């Protein structure tokens, strides 16, 4: 077994790692397990203009957009779990999962539920309109495994759908649980109907009377199952309570702040000092004072909200900045402090 260099960050394995690799390979043979692919997070910061080619209603308040290059030239490749940063005509930037066919080199498809101002602007787009994107990038990598349980809630089906199709194409053992308020609110039911019906459970709240529990969602999570989950925070939280390992998830809203401590930020250019309470992010409080501050994912992996750090000790919780960058900048959506920070704002 050859361990990929990008998994451990080295080209050559020292003796201890070679011994470990041989032991692990023997263990996998004995157990009859599939070797997992390395967790790869491709990063593509290329920005390009795309044209809206189709706008398709998918459910109540959900539309899908088919995007391609103005000259219909091939687009950067992507894998299930990838997303793009979509820059709208107003300058607003939002992130959306790619939910089309990775084998189609000419088209990206996204689906958007109408909620806030950004999604409302997406719903006003028409065929022929131009938008700009950055990416694709992957913060939700799909790894090879013998069996999967996919759990999707509402618009959370968007990153999950390409994963299901790839798992089926690979011949893996898989099951899908798809939840929502009602069937009318759940996009892509027509495409899911083309999958193996014995492996799919459509679970609208209106047909069961109550939201689904974590234990119900994990019914098909037998040992060695990789669980991929995407949806609203309460659903993800219920799954995390009942699943301690083998869980991969992506949320469409900021993670809850746990055990936060209050701190202070001094905005040098604005001449303001703001108190950040224990249960709010620096981004939220700063945007109250300066609404134009840029942000996108609010989860610490896109870097849109990165600001210059002029002083203070930061508790970095992002997954995008390098160690060198963290010396002079921070992602204000997730990173915190216990004292006073001086920011270049």
Protein backbone atom coordinates (compact mmCIF):
# COMPACT_ATOMS: atom_id res chain seq x y z
CA UNK A 1 0.00 0.00 0.00
CA UNK A 2 1.43 3.38 -0.98
CA UNK A 3 0.21 6.24 1.15
CA UNK A 4 -0.61 9.33 -0.93
CA UNK A 5 1.73 12.24 -0.26
CA UNK A 6 -1.12 14.74 0.02
CA UNK A 7 -2.72 12.78 2.84
CA UNK A 8 0.24 13.11 5.19
CA UNK A 9 1.98 16.09 3.60
CA UNK A 10 5.21 14.32 2.65
CA UNK A 11 6.70 12.83 -0.51
CA UNK A 12 8.84 10.19 1.13
CA UNK A 13 7.75 8.11 4.05
CA UNK A 14 10.15 7.64 6.91
CA UNK A 15 10.71 4.16 8.35
CA UNK A 16 7.95 4.42 10.96
CA UNK A 17 5.40 5.33 8.33
CA UNK A 18 6.51 2.47 6.08
CA UNK A 19 6.00 0.03 8.93
CA UNK A 20 2.60 1.56 9.65
CA UNK A 21 1.62 1.35 5.97
CA UNK A 22 2.50 -2.35 5.77
CA UNK A 23 0.57 -3.12 8.94
CA UNK A 24 -2.45 -1.20 7.70
CA UNK A 25 -2.37 -2.96 4.34
CA UNK A 26 -2.29 -6.34 6.03
CA UNK A 27 -5.15 -5.36 8.29
CA UNK A 28 -7.28 -4.31 5.30
CA UNK A 29 -6.64 -7.63 3.58
CA UNK A 30 -7.65 -9.57 6.67
CA UNK A 31 -10.76 -7.50 7.23
CA UNK A 32 -11.70 -7.41 3.56
CA UNK A 33 -12.27 -3.69 3.63
CA UNK A 34 -12.03 -1.23 0.77
CA UNK A 35 -9.16 1.21 1.02
CA UNK A 36 -10.43 4.74 1.43
CA UNK A 37 -9.39 7.35 -1.08
CA UNK A 38 -7.39 10.25 0.36
CA UNK A 39 -9.42 13.24 1.44
CA UNK A 40 -8.72 15.72 -1.34
CA UNK A 41 -10.01 19.27 -1.27
CA UNK A 42 -9.33 20.72 -4.71
CA UNK A 43 -9.01 24.48 -4.61
CA UNK A 44 -9.69 26.45 -7.77
CA UNK A 45 -9.66 30.22 -7.32
CA UNK A 46 -10.15 30.94 -10.99
CA UNK A 47 -12.81 33.58 -11.64
CA UNK A 48 -14.79 33.49 -14.84
CA UNK A 49 -17.98 34.81 -16.40
CA UNK A 50 -20.82 32.39 -17.10
CA UNK A 51 -24.15 32.80 -18.86
CA UNK A 52 -27.50 31.53 -17.57
CA UNK A 53 -28.73 29.04 -20.17
CA UNK A 54 -31.76 27.55 -18.37
CA UNK A 55 -33.86 28.39 -15.31
CA UNK A 56 -35.94 25.42 -14.14
CA UNK A 57 -38.48 25.41 -11.26
CA UNK A 58 -37.63 22.42 -9.05
CA UNK A 59 -39.94 22.85 -6.05
CA UNK A 60 -41.78 25.57 -4.17
CA UNK A 61 -39.37 28.54 -4.01
CA UNK A 62 -36.53 26.48 -5.57
CA UNK A 63 -35.08 26.96 -9.04
CA UNK A 64 -32.09 25.38 -10.73
CA UNK A 65 -29.79 27.34 -13.02
CA UNK A 66 -27.76 25.84 -15.85
CA UNK A 67 -24.62 27.90 -16.44
CA UNK A 68 -22.04 27.72 -19.21
CA UNK A 69 -19.22 29.80 -20.68
CA UNK A 70 -20.20 32.60 -23.09
CA UNK A 71 -18.41 30.74 -25.90
CA UNK A 72 -19.59 27.32 -24.59
CA UNK A 73 -15.98 26.27 -24.01
CA UNK A 74 -15.22 23.52 -21.44
CA UNK A 75 -15.36 24.47 -17.76
CA UNK A 76 -13.00 23.37 -14.97
CA UNK A 77 -13.72 19.83 -13.83
CA UNK A 78 -15.38 19.13 -10.50
CA UNK A 79 -16.26 16.26 -8.17
CA UNK A 80 -19.32 15.55 -6.01
CA UNK A 81 -19.24 17.86 -3.00
CA UNK A 82 -17.84 20.84 -4.92
CA UNK A 83 -19.35 24.32 -4.73
CA UNK A 84 -18.83 27.60 -6.54
CA UNK A 85 -18.85 31.17 -5.29
CA UNK A 86 -21.54 32.93 -7.32
CA UNK A 87 -21.09 36.68 -7.80
CA UNK A 88 -24.41 38.28 -8.68
CA UNK A 89 -24.90 41.46 -10.72
CA UNK A 90 -25.30 43.45 -7.48
CA UNK A 91 -21.88 42.29 -6.29
CA UNK A 92 -23.37 39.94 -3.68
CA UNK A 93 -21.44 36.67 -3.36
CA UNK A 94 -23.03 33.42 -2.26
CA UNK A 95 -21.90 29.79 -2.34
CA UNK A 96 -23.90 27.04 -4.00
CA UNK A 97 -23.22 23.33 -4.42
CA UNK A 98 -22.87 21.93 -7.91
CA UNK A 99 -25.66 19.42 -8.40
CA UNK A 100 -25.44 18.47 -12.06
CA UNK A 101 -23.36 15.88 -13.87
CA UNK A 102 -19.57 16.01 -13.23
CA UNK A 103 -19.16 14.28 -16.57
CA UNK A 104 -20.64 17.24 -18.44
CA UNK A 105 -17.65 19.49 -19.25
CA UNK A 106 -19.75 22.38 -20.53
CA UNK A 107 -22.43 23.00 -17.87
CA UNK A 108 -22.63 23.75 -14.17
CA UNK A 109 -25.98 23.33 -12.42
CA UNK A 110 -26.89 24.89 -9.08
CA UNK A 111 -30.20 24.97 -7.21
CA UNK A 112 -31.28 27.81 -4.95
CA UNK A 113 -34.10 28.12 -2.43
CA UNK A 114 -35.52 31.63 -2.09
CA UNK A 115 -34.71 32.79 1.44
CA UNK A 116 -32.57 35.93 1.89
CA UNK A 117 -31.56 38.81 -0.36
CA UNK A 118 -28.91 36.84 -2.24
CA UNK A 119 -31.22 33.97 -3.14
CA UNK A 120 -33.96 36.41 -4.11
CA UNK A 121 -31.57 37.98 -6.60
CA UNK A 122 -30.76 34.54 -8.00
CA UNK A 123 -34.48 33.94 -8.53
CA UNK A 124 -34.66 37.14 -10.59
CA UNK A 125 -32.01 35.92 -13.03
CA UNK A 126 -33.19 35.05 -16.53
CA UNK A 127 -31.81 33.17 -19.51
CA UNK A 128 -29.02 35.22 -21.07
CA UNK A 129 -27.98 37.00 -17.87
CA UNK A 130 -24.28 36.95 -16.99
CA UNK A 131 -22.86 36.08 -13.60
CA UNK A 132 -19.33 35.49 -12.34
CA UNK A 133 -18.12 32.48 -10.40
CA UNK A 134 -15.01 31.45 -8.50
CA UNK A 135 -14.16 27.78 -8.21
CA UNK A 136 -15.15 24.99 -8.14
CA UNK A 137 -13.81 24.24 -4.68
CA UNK A 138 -14.46 21.28 -2.41
CA UNK A 139 -15.09 21.55 1.32
CA UNK A 140 -17.22 18.36 1.37
CA UNK A 141 -15.02 15.68 -0.28
CA UNK A 142 -16.53 12.34 -1.27
CA UNK A 143 -14.27 9.40 -0.44
CA UNK A 144 -14.44 5.80 -1.60
CA UNK A 145 -16.06 3.34 0.81
CA UNK A 146 -17.87 -0.01 0.61
CA UNK A 147 -21.21 1.43 1.75
CA UNK A 148 -22.86 4.79 2.25
CA UNK A 149 -25.87 6.32 3.91
CA UNK A 150 -26.85 9.67 2.41
CA UNK A 151 -29.03 11.97 4.51
CA UNK A 152 -30.42 15.12 2.88
CA UNK A 153 -32.78 17.76 4.21
CA UNK A 154 -34.54 20.05 1.72
CA UNK A 155 -32.07 22.01 -0.39
CA UNK A 156 -29.34 19.89 1.23
CA UNK A 157 -29.99 17.39 -1.55
CA UNK A 158 -27.81 19.49 -3.89
CA UNK A 159 -24.35 18.17 -2.90
CA UNK A 160 -25.78 14.74 -2.07
CA UNK A 161 -27.38 13.94 -5.43
CA UNK A 162 -24.10 13.68 -7.42
CA UNK A 163 -22.64 11.56 -4.60
CA UNK A 164 -25.54 9.11 -4.79
CA UNK A 165 -25.12 8.74 -8.53
CA UNK A 166 -21.38 8.15 -8.22
CA UNK A 167 -21.87 5.58 -5.44
CA UNK A 168 -24.38 3.74 -7.64
CA UNK A 169 -22.03 3.88 -10.63
CA UNK A 170 -19.21 2.42 -8.53
CA UNK A 171 -21.42 -0.47 -7.42
CA UNK A 172 -21.26 0.51 -3.74
CA UNK A 173 -23.94 -0.38 -1.24
CA UNK A 174 -25.89 2.82 -0.59
CA UNK A 175 -29.12 4.19 0.85
CA UNK A 176 -30.63 7.67 0.72
CA UNK A 177 -32.92 9.31 3.27
CA UNK A 178 -34.42 12.53 1.92
CA UNK A 179 -36.37 14.75 4.34
CA UNK A 180 -38.35 17.96 3.95
CA UNK A 181 -41.37 19.84 5.15
CA UNK A 182 -43.53 18.54 2.30
CA UNK A 183 -43.03 16.97 -1.11
CA UNK A 184 -43.78 20.32 -2.74
CA UNK A 185 -40.76 21.83 -0.97
CA UNK A 186 -38.31 19.05 -1.92
CA UNK A 187 -36.37 19.61 -5.18
CA UNK A 188 -35.27 16.88 -7.62
CA UNK A 189 -37.86 14.30 -6.57
CA UNK A 190 -38.31 13.48 -10.26
CA UNK A 191 -34.61 12.65 -10.64
CA UNK A 192 -34.53 10.68 -7.40
CA UNK A 193 -37.46 8.62 -8.72
CA UNK A 194 -35.08 7.26 -11.37
CA UNK A 195 -32.82 5.76 -8.68
CA UNK A 196 -33.24 2.32 -7.11
CA UNK A 197 -36.49 2.72 -5.18
CA UNK A 198 -35.50 0.03 -2.66
CA UNK A 199 -32.58 2.19 -1.55
CA UNK A 200 -34.47 5.50 -1.19
CA UNK A 201 -36.71 6.73 1.63
CA UNK A 202 -38.59 9.97 0.96
CA UNK A 203 -39.62 11.32 4.33
CA UNK A 204 -41.74 14.55 4.29
CA UNK A 205 -42.78 15.87 7.71
CA UNK A 206 -46.36 16.43 6.50
CA UNK A 207 -46.81 12.71 5.88
CA UNK A 208 -45.43 11.64 9.26
CA UNK A 209 -46.69 14.40 11.52
CA UNK A 210 -43.33 15.13 13.18
CA UNK A 211 -39.77 15.88 12.06
CA UNK A 212 -37.55 12.84 11.68
CA UNK A 213 -35.24 11.84 14.54
CA UNK A 214 -31.55 11.11 14.30
CA UNK A 215 -32.12 7.45 15.13
CA UNK A 216 -34.61 7.12 12.27
CA UNK A 217 -32.23 8.79 9.85
CA UNK A 218 -29.48 6.34 10.76
CA UNK A 219 -31.54 3.16 10.41
CA UNK A 220 -29.40 1.93 7.50
CA UNK A 221 -26.07 2.97 9.02
CA UNK A 222 -24.66 -0.51 9.64
CA UNK A 223 -20.97 -0.85 10.62
CA UNK A 224 -18.45 0.46 8.07
CA UNK A 225 -21.03 2.85 6.63
CA UNK A 226 -19.90 6.31 5.63
CA UNK A 227 -22.68 8.79 6.43
CA UNK A 228 -22.93 11.91 4.26
CA UNK A 229 -25.36 14.47 5.64
CA UNK A 230 -26.42 17.91 4.42
CA UNK A 231 -29.35 20.03 5.52
CA UNK A 232 -30.62 22.35 8.25
CA UNK A 233 -28.69 22.57 11.55
CA UNK A 234 -31.33 20.73 13.68
CA UNK A 235 -31.19 17.71 11.37
CA UNK A 236 -27.38 17.65 11.34
CA UNK A 237 -27.31 18.01 15.12
CA UNK A 238 -29.66 15.05 15.57
CA UNK A 239 -27.47 12.90 13.34
CA UNK A 240 -24.29 13.93 15.17
CA UNK A 241 -25.83 12.94 18.50
CA UNK A 242 -26.40 9.38 17.27
CA UNK A 243 -23.34 8.96 15.02
CA UNK A 244 -19.89 9.36 16.53
CA UNK A 245 -17.72 8.20 13.60
CA UNK A 246 -17.75 7.93 9.83
CA UNK A 247 -19.87 11.07 9.54
CA UNK A 248 -19.31 13.76 6.91
CA UNK A 249 -21.62 16.76 6.87
CA UNK A 250 -22.11 20.16 5.33
CA UNK A 251 -24.42 22.84 6.64
CA UNK A 252 -26.02 25.78 4.84
CA UNK A 253 -25.96 28.12 7.82
CA UNK A 254 -23.33 29.17 10.38
CA UNK A 255 -22.36 26.56 12.97
CA UNK A 256 -23.57 27.29 16.50
CA UNK A 257 -21.07 28.99 18.80
CA UNK A 258 -20.19 26.63 21.64
CA UNK A 259 -18.39 27.73 24.79
CA UNK A 260 -17.78 31.18 23.32
CA UNK A 261 -16.20 33.92 25.41
CA UNK A 262 -16.87 37.65 25.00
CA UNK A 263 -14.11 39.76 23.49
CA UNK A 264 -13.55 43.19 21.95
CA UNK A 265 -12.57 44.36 18.49
CA UNK A 266 -11.09 47.74 17.72
CA UNK A 267 -11.71 48.80 14.13
CA UNK A 268 -8.70 50.96 13.40
CA UNK A 269 -9.83 52.72 10.21
CA UNK A 270 -13.41 53.20 11.40
CA UNK A 271 -12.40 54.41 14.84
CA UNK A 272 -14.93 52.12 16.53
CA UNK A 273 -14.66 49.63 19.37
CA UNK A 274 -17.21 46.82 19.44
CA UNK A 275 -18.01 44.26 22.12
CA UNK A 276 -18.53 40.73 20.76
CA UNK A 277 -20.80 38.71 23.08
CA UNK A 278 -20.23 35.04 23.80
CA UNK A 279 -23.05 33.88 21.54
CA UNK A 280 -22.35 36.01 18.43
CA UNK A 281 -19.58 36.04 15.84
CA UNK A 282 -17.33 39.01 15.16
CA UNK A 283 -18.73 39.09 11.62
CA UNK A 284 -22.32 39.51 12.82
CA UNK A 285 -21.48 42.34 15.22
CA UNK A 286 -19.18 44.11 12.75
CA UNK A 287 -21.81 43.95 10.02
CA UNK A 288 -24.26 45.67 12.35
CA UNK A 289 -21.84 48.59 12.37
CA UNK A 290 -20.48 48.26 8.81
CA UNK A 291 -23.05 46.48 6.58
CA UNK A 292 -20.71 46.51 3.58
CA UNK A 293 -18.24 44.04 5.14
CA UNK A 294 -17.96 41.10 2.74
CA UNK A 295 -18.81 37.53 3.70
CA UNK A 296 -20.02 34.33 2.09
CA UNK A 297 -19.85 30.88 3.73
CA UNK A 298 -19.85 32.04 7.40
CA UNK A 299 -18.19 28.71 8.21
CA UNK A 300 -14.50 29.52 7.84
CA UNK A 301 -13.60 27.83 4.58
CA UNK A 302 -14.02 30.43 1.82
CA UNK A 303 -11.89 33.37 3.05
CA UNK A 304 -14.30 36.07 1.86
CA UNK A 305 -14.52 37.70 5.31
CA UNK A 306 -10.75 37.72 5.88
CA UNK A 307 -9.54 41.02 7.35
CA UNK A 308 -6.17 42.41 8.35
CA UNK A 309 -5.04 41.76 11.92
CA UNK A 310 -3.08 44.63 13.50
CA UNK A 311 -2.91 43.42 17.08
CA UNK A 312 -4.16 40.89 19.61
CA UNK A 313 -4.25 37.12 20.03
CA UNK A 314 -6.66 35.23 17.78
CA UNK A 315 -8.22 31.83 18.32
CA UNK A 316 -8.29 30.73 14.68
CA UNK A 317 -11.13 28.38 13.77
CA UNK A 318 -11.02 28.70 9.98
CA UNK A 319 -9.83 26.06 7.51
CA UNK A 320 -8.61 28.39 4.77
CA UNK A 321 -5.74 30.55 6.08
CA UNK A 322 -2.17 29.32 6.21
CA UNK A 323 -0.09 29.63 9.37
CA UNK A 324 1.76 32.55 7.84
CA UNK A 325 -1.48 34.31 6.86
CA UNK A 326 -2.85 33.86 10.36
CA UNK A 327 -0.08 36.07 11.72
CA UNK A 328 -1.57 39.12 10.05
CA UNK A 329 -5.20 38.25 9.20
CA UNK A 330 -8.26 36.42 10.49
CA UNK A 331 -11.57 35.05 9.25
CA UNK A 332 -14.02 37.06 11.30
CA UNK A 333 -16.93 34.65 10.69
CA UNK A 334 -15.57 31.92 12.99
CA UNK A 335 -12.35 33.05 14.70
CA UNK A 336 -12.47 34.63 18.13
CA UNK A 337 -10.36 35.94 21.03
CA UNK A 338 -10.52 36.31 24.78
CA UNK A 339 -9.07 39.82 24.83
CA UNK A 340 -8.97 42.73 22.40
CA UNK A 341 -8.24 42.49 18.68
CA UNK A 342 -7.22 45.39 16.47
CA UNK A 343 -8.53 44.95 12.93
CA UNK A 344 -7.83 46.81 9.71
CA UNK A 345 -11.42 47.94 9.20
